[in-house]
Structures are given as C-alpha cells and as structure tokens.
Amino acid sequence: KWAYSHFLLDDTDRAGALLRTFLRDFPESNLVPEARYLLARCLQKLGRAEEALAETLELLRSQESSDPLEEANWQYWQRMAGNPIANEFYRQGDYLRALAIYQALARLDDSPQWLWPVVYQIGLSFERLEQPARAIEAYAYLLDEGENHQGALSANLETMIEMARWREEHLNWQVENDRQLAGLLKVPGRISGGNEESTIQTERIP
C-alpha cells in the first residue's frame, strides 16, 4: 500500500525502492505480479529503460499454477502491464524494446481479439526499425487469418485487417521502388562507346 501511494504521488524513487523490498521479502505473495508491473512503470518513468524492460519481460513469462485464481491473477496483470509499457516505449521511439514486449505479449493468448492487434503493433515496430520484410510478414499473417475468419470478425478487427492490407501493399511498393531506384543509381564500371572505352571514376568528397 505504501509503495502504491508513493507511485500515485509520482514519488517513483521511493515507490521503486519499496517495491524492490517487497519482491525480495515476499516472492510468493499474490501481489507479486502487481508489484512487478508498478516497478516496471517506476523504472520507465525514471528513464531506466533496460531495467523496466527486464521487469516487464519477467512478468510476462508464463506462470504455471495449480490454483486457478492465482493463474488468473497473473494473466490479468500480464495484460495490464504489457500494452501500456510497450506503447510508451513505442511513443518514445524506443522501438526495439517495444518490439520485445509485443512479441512476449503475442505468446499470452492466440485469440484474434488479443493476438491480432499485438501482431499489428509488431508490424509497425518492424517498420520503424526499417525492416520492411519482417513488417510485411506480420501484415501478411493478419491478412491470411482474416481470410480464415471471414464473417466472424468484429468491426474493429475488420478495420485493422484493412489497415494491415494497406500497409502491406504500401511496403511492397516501397521495397520494389527502392530496388528499381538502386538499379538506376548503380554506377557501371565501364561505358563502351564506338571503339573506345571510358571508365567512370567517382571522386571521394573530402
């Protein structure tokens, strides 16, 4: 409670210290997943991105429990934690860390309502990381799945599928355009003209 109060008051240093103490002293508590979530948020606010990522990924690791209530508690906080922390990394331009969390989130649930929006964010992250082939792979997965679930999708999922279709088409056009442009700009080693050959030399700009 003290840690949560400090978190609400934006006293992230004190909240983080209390949460670390709690996790060390009470590793079996049913409050551990919530504490990890709050600690990750504190670390993210403090600019300690790598530690925030580590805490988030630790929370997102699958937890096996014979107690259905305990398992449901873990699942609740996994979903509660992952998206806002990943989205904040994405907003900050930290696409690699955002991607790591989105990929972990994708393993939590394979239902379209959960998985497809996460895969879409994975595609956007790969775009930002300038890996169009991987982004196209993500969007193609969504289009294939959309075909397999025709007539059974919510309006939100149908809209997302159309967005994925547009992004895939745009990226394919961009990749092909870049390929053609690279070919046009490639400087040949020799140009033949009549009976003479002239060599094109490029000068290095000092």
N, C-alpha and C. Protein backbone atom coordinates (compact mmCIF):
# COMPACT_ATOMS: atom_id res chain seq x y z
N LYS A 1 0.83 -1.21 0.00
CA LYS A 1 0.00 0.00 0.00
C LYS A 1 0.86 1.26 0.00
N TRP A 2 1.95 1.24 0.80
CA TRP A 2 2.82 2.40 0.84
C TRP A 2 3.45 2.64 -0.52
N ALA A 3 3.89 1.55 -1.15
CA ALA A 3 4.52 1.68 -2.47
C ALA A 3 3.53 2.25 -3.48
N TYR A 4 2.30 1.76 -3.44
CA TYR A 4 1.28 2.24 -4.39
C TYR A 4 0.97 3.71 -4.14
N SER A 5 0.93 4.10 -2.86
CA SER A 5 0.67 5.51 -2.53
C SER A 5 1.76 6.41 -3.09
N HIS A 6 3.02 5.99 -2.93
CA HIS A 6 4.13 6.78 -3.47
C HIS A 6 4.07 6.82 -5.00
N PHE A 7 3.64 5.71 -5.60
CA PHE A 7 3.51 5.67 -7.06
C PHE A 7 2.46 6.68 -7.53
N LEU A 8 1.32 6.72 -6.85
CA LEU A 8 0.26 7.65 -7.21
C LEU A 8 0.70 9.10 -7.02
N LEU A 9 1.57 9.33 -6.03
CA LEU A 9 2.08 10.67 -5.78
C LEU A 9 3.25 11.03 -6.68
N ASP A 10 3.58 10.12 -7.60
CA ASP A 10 4.67 10.32 -8.56
C ASP A 10 6.04 10.36 -7.88
N ASP A 11 6.12 9.78 -6.68
CA ASP A 11 7.41 9.65 -5.99
C ASP A 11 8.01 8.31 -6.42
N THR A 12 8.49 8.27 -7.66
CA THR A 12 8.89 6.99 -8.26
C THR A 12 10.13 6.39 -7.62
N ASP A 13 11.05 7.23 -7.15
CA ASP A 13 12.25 6.70 -6.48
C ASP A 13 11.87 5.89 -5.24
N ARG A 14 11.05 6.50 -4.39
CA ARG A 14 10.65 5.84 -3.15
C ARG A 14 9.77 4.63 -3.44
N ALA A 15 8.84 4.78 -4.38
CA ALA A 15 7.97 3.66 -4.73
C ALA A 15 8.79 2.49 -5.25
N GLY A 16 9.76 2.76 -6.12
CA GLY A 16 10.59 1.70 -6.67
C GLY A 16 11.37 0.96 -5.60
N ALA A 17 11.92 1.71 -4.63
CA ALA A 17 12.68 1.09 -3.55
C ALA A 17 11.78 0.19 -2.70
N LEU A 18 10.59 0.65 -2.39
CA LEU A 18 9.65 -0.15 -1.60
C LEU A 18 9.21 -1.40 -2.35
N LEU A 19 9.00 -1.27 -3.64
CA LEU A 19 8.57 -2.42 -4.44
C LEU A 19 9.67 -3.47 -4.54
N ARG A 20 10.91 -3.03 -4.69
CA ARG A 20 12.02 -3.99 -4.73
C ARG A 20 12.13 -4.75 -3.41
N THR A 21 11.95 -4.03 -2.30
CA THR A 21 12.00 -4.67 -0.99
C THR A 21 10.87 -5.69 -0.85
N PHE A 22 9.69 -5.32 -1.31
CA PHE A 22 8.55 -6.24 -1.23
C PHE A 22 8.80 -7.50 -2.04
N LEU A 23 9.30 -7.35 -3.27
CA LEU A 23 9.55 -8.51 -4.13
C LEU A 23 10.63 -9.41 -3.55
N ARG A 24 11.59 -8.82 -2.86
CA ARG A 24 12.65 -9.61 -2.24
C ARG A 24 12.13 -10.37 -1.02
N ASP A 25 11.30 -9.72 -0.22
CA ASP A 25 10.86 -10.31 1.05
C ASP A 25 9.64 -11.21 0.92
N PHE A 26 8.82 -10.99 -0.12
CA PHE A 26 7.58 -11.76 -0.26
C PHE A 26 7.43 -12.32 -1.68
N PRO A 27 8.36 -13.17 -2.11
CA PRO A 27 8.34 -13.66 -3.50
C PRO A 27 7.15 -14.55 -3.83
N GLU A 28 6.46 -15.08 -2.81
CA GLU A 28 5.32 -15.97 -3.05
C GLU A 28 3.98 -15.26 -2.91
N SER A 29 3.99 -13.97 -2.65
CA SER A 29 2.74 -13.24 -2.45
C SER A 29 1.94 -13.15 -3.74
N ASN A 30 0.62 -13.13 -3.59
CA ASN A 30 -0.23 -12.97 -4.77
C ASN A 30 -0.21 -11.54 -5.30
N LEU A 31 0.50 -10.65 -4.59
CA LEU A 31 0.66 -9.27 -5.05
C LEU A 31 1.92 -9.08 -5.89
N VAL A 32 2.69 -10.15 -6.09
CA VAL A 32 3.93 -10.05 -6.86
C VAL A 32 3.71 -9.53 -8.28
N PRO A 33 2.73 -10.05 -9.04
CA PRO A 33 2.56 -9.53 -10.41
C PRO A 33 2.23 -8.04 -10.44
N GLU A 34 1.37 -7.58 -9.52
CA GLU A 34 1.06 -6.15 -9.48
C GLU A 34 2.31 -5.35 -9.12
N ALA A 35 3.10 -5.87 -8.17
CA ALA A 35 4.32 -5.17 -7.76
C ALA A 35 5.31 -5.07 -8.92
N ARG A 36 5.43 -6.13 -9.71
CA ARG A 36 6.34 -6.08 -10.86
C ARG A 36 5.86 -5.04 -11.89
N TYR A 37 4.56 -5.00 -12.09
CA TYR A 37 4.00 -4.01 -13.02
C TYR A 37 4.32 -2.59 -12.55
N LEU A 38 4.06 -2.32 -11.27
CA LEU A 38 4.32 -0.98 -10.74
C LEU A 38 5.81 -0.64 -10.78
N LEU A 39 6.65 -1.63 -10.48
CA LEU A 39 8.09 -1.39 -10.52
C LEU A 39 8.54 -1.07 -11.94
N ALA A 40 8.01 -1.80 -12.91
CA ALA A 40 8.37 -1.53 -14.31
C ALA A 40 7.95 -0.12 -14.71
N ARG A 41 6.76 0.31 -14.28
CA ARG A 41 6.31 1.66 -14.59
C ARG A 41 7.20 2.71 -13.93
N CYS A 42 7.60 2.45 -12.68
CA CYS A 42 8.50 3.38 -11.99
C CYS A 42 9.82 3.51 -12.74
N LEU A 43 10.40 2.38 -13.11
CA LEU A 43 11.68 2.38 -13.81
C LEU A 43 11.58 3.09 -15.16
N GLN A 44 10.45 2.89 -15.83
CA GLN A 44 10.26 3.55 -17.12
C GLN A 44 10.18 5.06 -16.93
N LYS A 45 9.47 5.51 -15.90
CA LYS A 45 9.37 6.94 -15.64
C LYS A 45 10.72 7.54 -15.27
N LEU A 46 11.56 6.74 -14.62
CA LEU A 46 12.88 7.22 -14.20
C LEU A 46 13.90 7.17 -15.35
N GLY A 47 13.46 6.69 -16.50
CA GLY A 47 14.37 6.62 -17.65
C GLY A 47 15.30 5.43 -17.62
N ARG A 48 15.03 4.45 -16.77
CA ARG A 48 15.87 3.25 -16.67
C ARG A 48 15.24 2.16 -17.53
N ALA A 49 15.37 2.36 -18.84
CA ALA A 49 14.62 1.58 -19.82
C ALA A 49 14.96 0.10 -19.77
N GLU A 50 16.24 -0.24 -19.65
CA GLU A 50 16.62 -1.65 -19.69
C GLU A 50 16.08 -2.40 -18.48
N GLU A 51 16.10 -1.76 -17.31
CA GLU A 51 15.54 -2.39 -16.12
C GLU A 51 14.03 -2.52 -16.22
N ALA A 52 13.38 -1.51 -16.79
CA ALA A 52 11.93 -1.57 -16.98
C ALA A 52 11.56 -2.72 -17.91
N LEU A 53 12.34 -2.87 -18.98
CA LEU A 53 12.10 -3.97 -19.91
C LEU A 53 12.27 -5.32 -19.22
N ALA A 54 13.33 -5.45 -18.42
CA ALA A 54 13.59 -6.72 -17.74
C ALA A 54 12.45 -7.09 -16.79
N GLU A 55 11.95 -6.11 -16.04
CA GLU A 55 10.85 -6.39 -15.11
C GLU A 55 9.58 -6.77 -15.87
N THR A 56 9.34 -6.10 -16.98
CA THR A 56 8.14 -6.40 -17.77
C THR A 56 8.21 -7.80 -18.35
N LEU A 57 9.36 -8.16 -18.91
CA LEU A 57 9.51 -9.49 -19.50
C LEU A 57 9.44 -10.58 -18.43
N GLU A 58 9.93 -10.27 -17.24
CA GLU A 58 9.82 -11.23 -16.13
C GLU A 58 8.35 -11.47 -15.79
N LEU A 59 7.57 -10.41 -15.78
CA LEU A 59 6.14 -10.54 -15.50
C LEU A 59 5.43 -11.32 -16.60
N LEU A 60 5.87 -11.13 -17.85
CA LEU A 60 5.18 -11.75 -18.98
C LEU A 60 5.56 -13.21 -19.20
N ARG A 61 6.56 -13.69 -18.47
CA ARG A 61 6.89 -15.11 -18.60
C ARG A 61 5.73 -15.94 -18.08
N SER A 62 5.46 -17.06 -18.75
CA SER A 62 4.33 -17.89 -18.37
C SER A 62 4.51 -18.42 -16.95
N GLN A 63 3.43 -18.41 -16.21
CA GLN A 63 3.44 -18.89 -14.83
C GLN A 63 2.50 -20.09 -14.72
N GLU A 64 3.03 -21.19 -14.26
CA GLU A 64 2.21 -22.38 -14.07
C GLU A 64 1.79 -22.47 -12.61
N SER A 65 0.49 -22.64 -12.39
CA SER A 65 -0.02 -22.73 -11.03
C SER A 65 -1.20 -23.70 -11.01
N SER A 66 -1.28 -24.44 -9.93
CA SER A 66 -2.42 -25.35 -9.76
C SER A 66 -3.64 -24.61 -9.24
N ASP A 67 -3.44 -23.36 -8.84
CA ASP A 67 -4.54 -22.55 -8.30
C ASP A 67 -5.10 -21.67 -9.43
N PRO A 68 -6.33 -21.92 -9.87
CA PRO A 68 -6.91 -21.14 -10.97
C PRO A 68 -6.97 -19.64 -10.66
N LEU A 69 -7.23 -19.29 -9.40
CA LEU A 69 -7.31 -17.87 -9.04
C LEU A 69 -5.94 -17.20 -9.16
N GLU A 70 -4.90 -17.90 -8.74
CA GLU A 70 -3.55 -17.35 -8.84
C GLU A 70 -3.15 -17.18 -10.30
N GLU A 71 -3.48 -18.17 -11.11
CA GLU A 71 -3.16 -18.09 -12.54
C GLU A 71 -3.91 -16.94 -13.20
N ALA A 72 -5.18 -16.78 -12.84
CA ALA A 72 -5.98 -15.68 -13.40
C ALA A 72 -5.41 -14.33 -12.98
N ASN A 73 -4.89 -14.25 -11.75
CA ASN A 73 -4.28 -13.02 -11.26
C ASN A 73 -3.05 -12.65 -12.08
N TRP A 74 -2.20 -13.65 -12.36
CA TRP A 74 -1.02 -13.41 -13.20
C TRP A 74 -1.44 -12.94 -14.59
N GLN A 75 -2.42 -13.63 -15.16
CA GLN A 75 -2.85 -13.28 -16.52
C GLN A 75 -3.40 -11.86 -16.57
N TYR A 76 -4.13 -11.46 -15.54
CA TYR A 76 -4.69 -10.11 -15.51
C TYR A 76 -3.57 -9.07 -15.54
N TRP A 77 -2.57 -9.25 -14.68
CA TRP A 77 -1.51 -8.25 -14.61
C TRP A 77 -0.56 -8.32 -15.80
N GLN A 78 -0.44 -9.48 -16.41
CA GLN A 78 0.35 -9.56 -17.64
C GLN A 78 -0.27 -8.69 -18.73
N ARG A 79 -1.58 -8.78 -18.87
CA ARG A 79 -2.26 -7.97 -19.88
C ARG A 79 -2.28 -6.49 -19.48
N MET A 80 -2.46 -6.24 -18.21
CA MET A 80 -2.49 -4.86 -17.72
C MET A 80 -1.15 -4.17 -17.92
N ALA A 81 -0.07 -4.92 -17.73
CA ALA A 81 1.27 -4.33 -17.77
C ALA A 81 1.80 -4.15 -19.18
N GLY A 82 1.66 -5.20 -19.98
CA GLY A 82 2.39 -5.25 -21.24
C GLY A 82 2.08 -4.14 -22.21
N ASN A 83 0.81 -3.94 -22.51
CA ASN A 83 0.45 -2.97 -23.54
C ASN A 83 0.84 -1.54 -23.20
N PRO A 84 0.50 -1.01 -22.02
CA PRO A 84 0.87 0.38 -21.76
C PRO A 84 2.37 0.62 -21.72
N ILE A 85 3.13 -0.36 -21.20
CA ILE A 85 4.58 -0.18 -21.14
C ILE A 85 5.18 -0.25 -22.55
N ALA A 86 4.73 -1.22 -23.34
CA ALA A 86 5.21 -1.33 -24.73
C ALA A 86 4.81 -0.09 -25.53
N ASN A 87 3.57 0.36 -25.35
CA ASN A 87 3.11 1.53 -26.10
C ASN A 87 3.90 2.78 -25.72
N GLU A 88 4.29 2.89 -24.45
CA GLU A 88 5.08 4.04 -24.03
C GLU A 88 6.48 4.00 -24.64
N PHE A 89 7.09 2.82 -24.67
CA PHE A 89 8.38 2.68 -25.35
C PHE A 89 8.24 3.08 -26.82
N TYR A 90 7.17 2.63 -27.45
CA TYR A 90 6.94 2.95 -28.87
C TYR A 90 6.79 4.46 -29.04
N ARG A 91 6.01 5.08 -28.16
CA ARG A 91 5.79 6.53 -28.25
C ARG A 91 7.10 7.30 -28.09
N GLN A 92 8.00 6.76 -27.25
CA GLN A 92 9.29 7.41 -27.02
C GLN A 92 10.29 7.16 -28.15
N GLY A 93 9.90 6.32 -29.12
CA GLY A 93 10.82 5.99 -30.21
C GLY A 93 11.76 4.85 -29.88
N ASP A 94 11.51 4.16 -28.78
CA ASP A 94 12.35 3.02 -28.38
C ASP A 94 11.70 1.76 -28.95
N TYR A 95 11.81 1.61 -30.27
CA TYR A 95 11.05 0.58 -30.97
C TYR A 95 11.56 -0.83 -30.68
N LEU A 96 12.84 -0.98 -30.40
CA LEU A 96 13.37 -2.31 -30.15
C LEU A 96 12.83 -2.88 -28.84
N ARG A 97 12.77 -2.06 -27.80
CA ARG A 97 12.22 -2.53 -26.53
C ARG A 97 10.71 -2.74 -26.64
N ALA A 98 10.04 -1.85 -27.36
CA ALA A 98 8.60 -2.04 -27.58
C ALA A 98 8.35 -3.37 -28.28
N LEU A 99 9.16 -3.66 -29.29
CA LEU A 99 9.00 -4.91 -30.04
C LEU A 99 9.19 -6.13 -29.15
N ALA A 100 10.18 -6.09 -28.27
CA ALA A 100 10.43 -7.23 -27.38
C ALA A 100 9.21 -7.53 -26.52
N ILE A 101 8.54 -6.48 -26.05
CA ILE A 101 7.36 -6.68 -25.21
C ILE A 101 6.18 -7.16 -26.05
N TYR A 102 5.98 -6.56 -27.22
CA TYR A 102 4.88 -7.01 -28.09
C TYR A 102 5.04 -8.50 -28.43
N GLN A 103 6.27 -8.92 -28.70
CA GLN A 103 6.49 -10.33 -29.04
C GLN A 103 6.16 -11.23 -27.85
N ALA A 104 6.48 -10.78 -26.64
CA ALA A 104 6.13 -11.56 -25.45
C ALA A 104 4.62 -11.57 -25.24
N LEU A 105 3.96 -10.45 -25.51
CA LEU A 105 2.51 -10.39 -25.37
C LEU A 105 1.81 -11.33 -26.34
N ALA A 106 2.38 -11.50 -27.52
CA ALA A 106 1.76 -12.36 -28.53
C ALA A 106 1.69 -13.81 -28.08
N ARG A 107 2.52 -14.19 -27.13
CA ARG A 107 2.53 -15.58 -26.66
C ARG A 107 1.49 -15.84 -25.57
N LEU A 108 0.85 -14.79 -25.09
CA LEU A 108 -0.08 -14.96 -23.97
C LEU A 108 -1.41 -15.58 -24.37
N ASP A 109 -1.87 -15.26 -25.58
CA ASP A 109 -3.23 -15.64 -25.96
C ASP A 109 -3.31 -15.64 -27.49
N ASP A 110 -3.86 -16.70 -28.07
CA ASP A 110 -3.93 -16.78 -29.53
C ASP A 110 -5.31 -16.43 -30.08
N SER A 111 -6.18 -15.85 -29.25
CA SER A 111 -7.48 -15.43 -29.75
C SER A 111 -7.30 -14.20 -30.64
N PRO A 112 -8.10 -14.07 -31.71
CA PRO A 112 -7.95 -12.91 -32.60
C PRO A 112 -8.07 -11.58 -31.87
N GLN A 113 -8.97 -11.50 -30.90
CA GLN A 113 -9.19 -10.24 -30.19
C GLN A 113 -7.93 -9.77 -29.47
N TRP A 114 -7.13 -10.71 -29.00
CA TRP A 114 -5.89 -10.36 -28.31
C TRP A 114 -4.70 -10.32 -29.25
N LEU A 115 -4.54 -11.40 -30.02
CA LEU A 115 -3.31 -11.59 -30.79
C LEU A 115 -3.18 -10.62 -31.96
N TRP A 116 -4.25 -10.41 -32.71
CA TRP A 116 -4.12 -9.64 -33.94
C TRP A 116 -3.68 -8.20 -33.71
N PRO A 117 -4.25 -7.47 -32.74
CA PRO A 117 -3.74 -6.11 -32.50
C PRO A 117 -2.27 -6.10 -32.09
N VAL A 118 -1.84 -7.14 -31.36
CA VAL A 118 -0.43 -7.21 -30.96
C VAL A 118 0.45 -7.44 -32.19
N VAL A 119 0.02 -8.33 -33.08
CA VAL A 119 0.79 -8.59 -34.30
C VAL A 119 0.85 -7.32 -35.16
N TYR A 120 -0.23 -6.57 -35.19
CA TYR A 120 -0.22 -5.31 -35.95
C TYR A 120 0.83 -4.36 -35.38
N GLN A 121 0.91 -4.28 -34.05
CA GLN A 121 1.93 -3.43 -33.43
C GLN A 121 3.33 -3.95 -33.71
N ILE A 122 3.47 -5.26 -33.79
CA ILE A 122 4.77 -5.85 -34.16
C ILE A 122 5.15 -5.38 -35.56
N GLY A 123 4.18 -5.39 -36.47
CA GLY A 123 4.45 -4.91 -37.83
C GLY A 123 4.88 -3.46 -37.85
N LEU A 124 4.17 -2.61 -37.09
CA LEU A 124 4.53 -1.20 -37.03
C LEU A 124 5.94 -1.01 -36.47
N SER A 125 6.28 -1.81 -35.46
CA SER A 125 7.61 -1.71 -34.85
C SER A 125 8.70 -2.08 -35.86
N PHE A 126 8.47 -3.15 -36.62
CA PHE A 126 9.45 -3.53 -37.64
C PHE A 126 9.58 -2.44 -38.71
N GLU A 127 8.47 -1.79 -39.04
CA GLU A 127 8.55 -0.67 -39.99
C GLU A 127 9.47 0.42 -39.45
N ARG A 128 9.26 0.79 -38.19
CA ARG A 128 10.06 1.84 -37.58
C ARG A 128 11.53 1.44 -37.49
N LEU A 129 11.78 0.15 -37.35
CA LEU A 129 13.16 -0.34 -37.28
C LEU A 129 13.76 -0.56 -38.67
N GLU A 130 13.01 -0.13 -39.70
CA GLU A 130 13.45 -0.23 -41.09
C GLU A 130 13.75 -1.67 -41.50
N GLN A 131 12.83 -2.55 -41.10
CA GLN A 131 12.89 -3.95 -41.51
C GLN A 131 11.58 -4.28 -42.23
N PRO A 132 11.42 -3.78 -43.46
CA PRO A 132 10.13 -3.93 -44.15
C PRO A 132 9.73 -5.38 -44.40
N ALA A 133 10.71 -6.26 -44.63
CA ALA A 133 10.36 -7.66 -44.90
C ALA A 133 9.67 -8.29 -43.69
N ARG A 134 10.16 -7.98 -42.49
CA ARG A 134 9.53 -8.53 -41.29
C ARG A 134 8.16 -7.90 -41.05
N ALA A 135 8.04 -6.61 -41.35
CA ALA A 135 6.74 -5.95 -41.21
C ALA A 135 5.72 -6.56 -42.18
N ILE A 136 6.14 -6.79 -43.42
CA ILE A 136 5.26 -7.41 -44.41
C ILE A 136 4.82 -8.79 -43.93
N GLU A 137 5.74 -9.51 -43.31
CA GLU A 137 5.42 -10.84 -42.77
C GLU A 137 4.30 -10.75 -41.73
N ALA A 138 4.38 -9.74 -40.86
CA ALA A 138 3.35 -9.56 -39.84
C ALA A 138 2.00 -9.23 -40.47
N TYR A 139 1.99 -8.31 -41.43
CA TYR A 139 0.73 -7.92 -42.06
C TYR A 139 0.15 -9.07 -42.89
N ALA A 140 1.02 -9.84 -43.54
CA ALA A 140 0.54 -10.98 -44.33
C ALA A 140 -0.12 -12.02 -43.43
N TYR A 141 0.44 -12.20 -42.24
CA TYR A 141 -0.18 -13.13 -41.28
C TYR A 141 -1.60 -12.67 -40.95
N LEU A 142 -1.77 -11.38 -40.72
CA LEU A 142 -3.10 -10.86 -40.38
C LEU A 142 -4.07 -11.03 -41.54
N LEU A 143 -3.60 -10.80 -42.76
CA LEU A 143 -4.47 -10.95 -43.92
C LEU A 143 -4.89 -12.41 -44.11
N ASP A 144 -3.96 -13.33 -43.90
CA ASP A 144 -4.29 -14.75 -44.01
C ASP A 144 -5.30 -15.15 -42.95
N GLU A 145 -5.07 -14.69 -41.72
CA GLU A 145 -6.00 -15.02 -40.64
C GLU A 145 -7.37 -14.39 -40.88
N GLY A 146 -7.37 -13.18 -41.43
CA GLY A 146 -8.63 -12.53 -41.74
C GLY A 146 -9.44 -13.32 -42.75
N GLU A 147 -8.75 -13.89 -43.75
CA GLU A 147 -9.44 -14.73 -44.73
C GLU A 147 -10.06 -15.96 -44.07
N ASN A 148 -9.35 -16.50 -43.07
CA ASN A 148 -9.83 -17.71 -42.40
C ASN A 148 -10.99 -17.44 -41.44
N HIS A 149 -11.21 -16.16 -41.10
CA HIS A 149 -12.26 -15.82 -40.14
C HIS A 149 -13.31 -14.90 -40.76
N GLN A 150 -13.47 -14.97 -42.06
CA GLN A 150 -14.43 -14.09 -42.73
C GLN A 150 -15.84 -14.31 -42.18
N GLY A 151 -16.52 -13.19 -41.95
CA GLY A 151 -17.90 -13.27 -41.46
C GLY A 151 -18.01 -13.41 -39.96
N ALA A 152 -16.86 -13.54 -39.27
CA ALA A 152 -16.92 -13.73 -37.81
C ALA A 152 -16.08 -12.71 -37.08
N LEU A 153 -15.83 -11.55 -37.72
CA LEU A 153 -14.96 -10.55 -37.13
C LEU A 153 -15.75 -9.35 -36.64
N SER A 154 -15.26 -8.75 -35.57
CA SER A 154 -15.85 -7.51 -35.09
C SER A 154 -15.48 -6.38 -36.05
N ALA A 155 -16.19 -5.26 -35.92
CA ALA A 155 -15.90 -4.11 -36.79
C ALA A 155 -14.47 -3.61 -36.58
N ASN A 156 -14.00 -3.65 -35.33
CA ASN A 156 -12.64 -3.19 -35.04
C ASN A 156 -11.60 -4.06 -35.72
N LEU A 157 -11.80 -5.38 -35.67
CA LEU A 157 -10.85 -6.29 -36.31
C LEU A 157 -10.89 -6.16 -37.82
N GLU A 158 -12.08 -5.96 -38.38
CA GLU A 158 -12.18 -5.78 -39.83
C GLU A 158 -11.43 -4.51 -40.27
N THR A 159 -11.57 -3.45 -39.48
CA THR A 159 -10.86 -2.21 -39.79
C THR A 159 -9.35 -2.42 -39.71
N MET A 160 -8.91 -3.16 -38.71
CA MET A 160 -7.48 -3.41 -38.55
C MET A 160 -6.93 -4.24 -39.71
N ILE A 161 -7.72 -5.21 -40.18
CA ILE A 161 -7.30 -6.01 -41.33
C ILE A 161 -7.13 -5.13 -42.56
N GLU A 162 -8.04 -4.19 -42.77
CA GLU A 162 -7.92 -3.29 -43.91
C GLU A 162 -6.69 -2.39 -43.78
N MET A 163 -6.39 -1.96 -42.57
CA MET A 163 -5.19 -1.16 -42.35
C MET A 163 -3.94 -1.99 -42.63
N ALA A 164 -3.95 -3.26 -42.22
CA ALA A 164 -2.82 -4.15 -42.49
C ALA A 164 -2.66 -4.36 -43.99
N ARG A 165 -3.78 -4.48 -44.70
CA ARG A 165 -3.73 -4.66 -46.15
C ARG A 165 -3.08 -3.45 -46.82
N TRP A 166 -3.48 -2.25 -46.39
CA TRP A 166 -2.91 -1.04 -46.98
C TRP A 166 -1.42 -0.95 -46.69
N ARG A 167 -1.04 -1.26 -45.46
CA ARG A 167 0.38 -1.15 -45.09
C ARG A 167 1.21 -2.18 -45.85
N GLU A 168 0.69 -3.39 -46.01
CA GLU A 168 1.43 -4.40 -46.76
C GLU A 168 1.62 -3.96 -48.21
N GLU A 169 0.55 -3.46 -48.83
CA GLU A 169 0.66 -3.01 -50.22
C GLU A 169 1.64 -1.85 -50.35
N HIS A 170 1.58 -0.92 -49.41
CA HIS A 170 2.49 0.22 -49.45
C HIS A 170 3.94 -0.23 -49.29
N LEU A 171 4.19 -1.15 -48.36
CA LEU A 171 5.56 -1.62 -48.14
C LEU A 171 6.07 -2.39 -49.34
N ASN A 172 5.23 -3.23 -49.94
CA ASN A 172 5.65 -3.95 -51.14
C ASN A 172 6.01 -2.99 -52.27
N TRP A 173 5.20 -1.93 -52.42
CA TRP A 173 5.50 -0.91 -53.43
C TRP A 173 6.82 -0.22 -53.10
N GLN A 174 7.01 0.11 -51.82
CA GLN A 174 8.23 0.81 -51.41
C GLN A 174 9.47 -0.05 -51.64
N VAL A 175 9.39 -1.33 -51.30
CA VAL A 175 10.53 -2.23 -51.49
C VAL A 175 10.87 -2.34 -52.96
N GLU A 176 9.85 -2.50 -53.82
CA GLU A 176 10.09 -2.62 -55.25
C GLU A 176 10.63 -1.31 -55.82
N ASN A 177 10.08 -0.20 -55.36
CA ASN A 177 10.56 1.11 -55.83
C ASN A 177 12.02 1.33 -55.44
N ASP A 178 12.37 0.96 -54.21
CA ASP A 178 13.76 1.11 -53.76
C ASP A 178 14.69 0.21 -54.58
N ARG A 179 14.21 -1.00 -54.91
CA ARG A 179 15.04 -1.91 -55.70
C ARG A 179 15.30 -1.34 -57.09
N GLN A 180 14.25 -0.81 -57.71
CA GLN A 180 14.42 -0.24 -59.05
C GLN A 180 15.31 1.00 -59.01
N LEU A 181 15.13 1.83 -57.99
CA LEU A 181 15.94 3.04 -57.89
C LEU A 181 17.40 2.70 -57.66
N ALA A 182 17.66 1.67 -56.84
CA ALA A 182 19.04 1.26 -56.60
C ALA A 182 19.70 0.81 -57.90
N GLY A 183 18.92 0.12 -58.75
CA GLY A 183 19.47 -0.30 -60.04
C GLY A 183 19.78 0.87 -60.95
N LEU A 184 18.90 1.87 -60.94
CA LEU A 184 19.12 3.05 -61.77
C LEU A 184 20.33 3.86 -61.33
N LEU A 185 20.57 3.89 -60.03
CA LEU A 185 21.64 4.72 -59.50
C LEU A 185 22.98 4.00 -59.43
N LYS A 186 22.98 2.71 -59.76
CA LYS A 186 24.23 1.96 -59.73
C LYS A 186 25.15 2.45 -60.83
N VAL A 187 26.37 2.81 -60.49
CA VAL A 187 27.33 3.33 -61.46
C VAL A 187 28.09 2.17 -62.09
N PRO A 188 27.99 2.01 -63.42
CA PRO A 188 28.73 0.91 -64.06
C PRO A 188 30.22 1.18 -64.04
N GLY A 189 30.99 0.12 -64.05
CA GLY A 189 32.44 0.27 -64.03
C GLY A 189 32.98 0.83 -65.32
N ARG A 190 32.39 0.45 -66.47
CA ARG A 190 32.87 0.92 -67.78
C ARG A 190 31.68 1.24 -68.67
N ILE A 191 31.85 2.23 -69.53
CA ILE A 191 30.85 2.56 -70.54
C ILE A 191 31.51 2.46 -71.90
N SER A 192 30.93 1.67 -72.79
CA SER A 192 31.51 1.48 -74.12
C SER A 192 30.88 2.46 -75.09
N GLY A 193 31.69 3.09 -75.93
CA GLY A 193 31.18 4.00 -76.95
C GLY A 193 32.03 3.88 -78.20
N GLY A 194 31.47 3.33 -79.28
CA GLY A 194 32.24 3.11 -80.50
C GLY A 194 33.34 2.11 -80.23
N ASN A 195 34.57 2.49 -80.66
CA ASN A 195 35.71 1.62 -80.46
C ASN A 195 36.48 1.96 -79.20
N GLU A 196 35.95 2.95 -78.43
CA GLU A 196 36.69 3.37 -77.26
C GLU A 196 35.93 2.98 -76.01
N GLU A 197 36.64 2.79 -74.94
CA GLU A 197 36.04 2.53 -73.64
C GLU A 197 36.47 3.63 -72.69
N SER A 198 35.54 4.17 -71.99
CA SER A 198 35.87 5.17 -70.99
C SER A 198 35.45 4.66 -69.63
N THR A 199 36.25 4.91 -68.65
CA THR A 199 35.98 4.45 -67.30
C THR A 199 35.43 5.60 -66.47
N ILE A 200 34.30 5.36 -65.83
CA ILE A 200 33.72 6.37 -64.94
C ILE A 200 34.35 6.21 -63.57
N GLN A 201 34.91 7.26 -63.08
CA GLN A 201 35.52 7.23 -61.76
C GLN A 201 34.74 8.18 -60.85
N THR A 202 34.47 7.72 -59.69
CA THR A 202 33.79 8.58 -58.72
C THR A 202 34.81 9.16 -57.78
N GLU A 203 34.67 10.44 -57.51
CA GLU A 203 35.60 11.11 -56.63
C GLU A 203 35.03 11.13 -55.22
N ARG A 204 35.91 10.91 -54.28
CA ARG A 204 35.50 10.96 -52.87
C ARG A 204 35.52 12.40 -52.41
N ILE A 205 34.44 12.82 -51.83
CA ILE A 205 34.36 14.19 -51.32
C ILE A 205 35.09 14.26 -50.00
N PRO A 206 36.06 15.15 -49.90
CA PRO A 206 36.83 15.23 -48.65
C PRO A 206 35.95 15.72 -47.51
